[in-house]
Amino acid sequence: MKPLNILVFIALMAASQGQALAAPEQGGDGRPRPERPKGSNATDQAGKQDDSRQRDAEPRPPKLSPEERKALRQQIHEVGHDLYPAKR
């Protein structure tokens, strides 16, 4: 049961990181920053190569069994009810 809780935590963290990365970049004054052209300097390209190597080197976590997926869905459903109670 504990590994399942860890997987839920990781999934929630990944979702929150995805939302943070999807938000437009803003400067200190609240205005969006102008975008830089992609691959405009060598450090961007070197960083991309390092990221791809790191992803390739990391092993993927094992897939969940059908029972584990069902339990995970149930836990997410229960947490959703705790966070957003039914309107009456």
Protein backbone atom coordinates (compact mmCIF):
# COMPACT_ATOMS: atom_id res chain seq x y z
CA MET A 1 0.00 0.00 0.00
CA LYS A 2 2.89 2.36 0.76
CA PRO A 3 4.37 2.13 -2.78
CA LEU A 4 0.95 3.07 -4.13
CA ASN A 5 0.89 6.20 -1.98
CA ILE A 6 4.33 7.09 -3.27
CA LEU A 7 3.12 6.69 -6.86
CA VAL A 8 0.14 8.97 -6.17
CA PHE A 9 2.47 11.56 -4.69
CA ILE A 10 4.80 11.37 -7.69
CA ALA A 11 1.87 11.69 -10.10
CA LEU A 12 0.58 14.77 -8.30
CA MET A 13 4.04 16.34 -8.26
CA ALA A 14 4.46 15.69 -11.98
CA ALA A 15 1.07 17.25 -12.69
CA SER A 16 1.89 20.35 -10.68
CA GLN A 17 5.27 20.69 -12.44
CA GLY A 18 3.55 20.42 -15.81
CA GLN A 19 1.19 23.24 -14.92
CA ALA A 20 4.06 25.42 -13.71
CA LEU A 21 5.98 24.84 -16.91
CA ALA A 22 2.93 25.57 -19.05
CA ALA A 23 2.50 29.03 -17.49
CA PRO A 24 4.00 31.87 -19.52
CA GLU A 25 7.24 33.34 -18.19
CA GLN A 26 6.85 36.77 -16.67
CA GLY A 27 9.33 39.39 -15.65
CA GLY A 28 9.33 41.12 -12.28
CA ASP A 29 6.84 43.73 -13.49
CA GLY A 30 4.17 41.17 -14.48
CA ARG A 31 4.65 41.50 -18.25
CA PRO A 32 5.43 38.37 -20.28
CA ARG A 33 9.03 38.04 -21.39
CA PRO A 34 9.75 38.01 -25.11
CA GLU A 35 10.64 34.54 -26.33
CA ARG A 36 14.18 33.79 -27.42
CA PRO A 37 14.69 31.99 -30.70
CA LYS A 38 15.09 28.25 -30.15
CA GLY A 39 18.65 26.96 -30.35
CA SER A 40 20.06 30.48 -30.54
CA ASN A 41 23.18 29.67 -28.57
CA ALA A 42 25.39 26.68 -27.85
CA THR A 43 24.38 26.36 -24.20
CA ASP A 44 20.77 25.63 -25.17
CA GLN A 45 21.88 22.85 -27.49
CA ALA A 46 24.29 21.38 -24.92
CA GLY A 47 21.54 21.43 -22.28
CA LYS A 48 19.17 19.60 -24.60
CA GLN A 49 21.75 16.90 -25.25
CA ASP A 50 22.39 16.47 -21.52
CA ASP A 51 18.65 16.19 -20.84
CA SER A 52 18.17 13.53 -23.49
CA ARG A 53 21.11 11.52 -22.17
CA GLN A 54 19.79 11.73 -18.63
CA ARG A 55 16.31 10.56 -19.70
CA ASP A 56 17.81 7.65 -21.61
CA ALA A 57 19.96 6.63 -18.62
CA GLU A 58 17.06 6.63 -16.12
CA PRO A 59 15.12 3.37 -16.02
CA ARG A 60 11.37 3.65 -16.32
CA PRO A 61 9.30 2.59 -13.33
CA PRO A 62 7.53 -0.74 -13.76
CA LYS A 63 3.97 -0.66 -15.08
CA LEU A 64 1.11 -1.01 -12.62
CA SER A 65 -0.95 -4.16 -12.52
CA PRO A 66 -4.71 -3.84 -13.20
CA GLU A 67 -5.40 -4.18 -9.46
CA GLU A 68 -2.91 -1.42 -8.64
CA ARG A 69 -4.41 0.87 -11.29
CA LYS A 70 -7.89 0.26 -9.91
CA ALA A 71 -6.71 1.01 -6.35
CA LEU A 72 -4.96 4.18 -7.56
CA ARG A 73 -8.10 5.39 -9.35
CA GLN A 74 -10.14 4.72 -6.21
CA GLN A 75 -7.68 6.67 -4.04
CA ILE A 76 -7.72 9.59 -6.46
CA HIS A 77 -11.52 9.51 -6.46
CA GLU A 78 -11.62 9.56 -2.65
CA VAL A 79 -9.15 12.44 -2.43
CA GLY A 80 -11.22 14.35 -4.96
CA HIS A 81 -14.27 13.98 -2.72
CA ASP A 82 -12.23 15.18 0.26
CA LEU A 83 -10.99 18.24 -1.63
CA TYR A 84 -14.23 19.06 -3.43
CA PRO A 85 -17.23 17.98 -1.35
CA ALA A 86 -20.55 17.55 -3.13
CA LYS A 87 -22.68 20.70 -3.35
CA ARG A 88 -26.05 20.39 -1.72
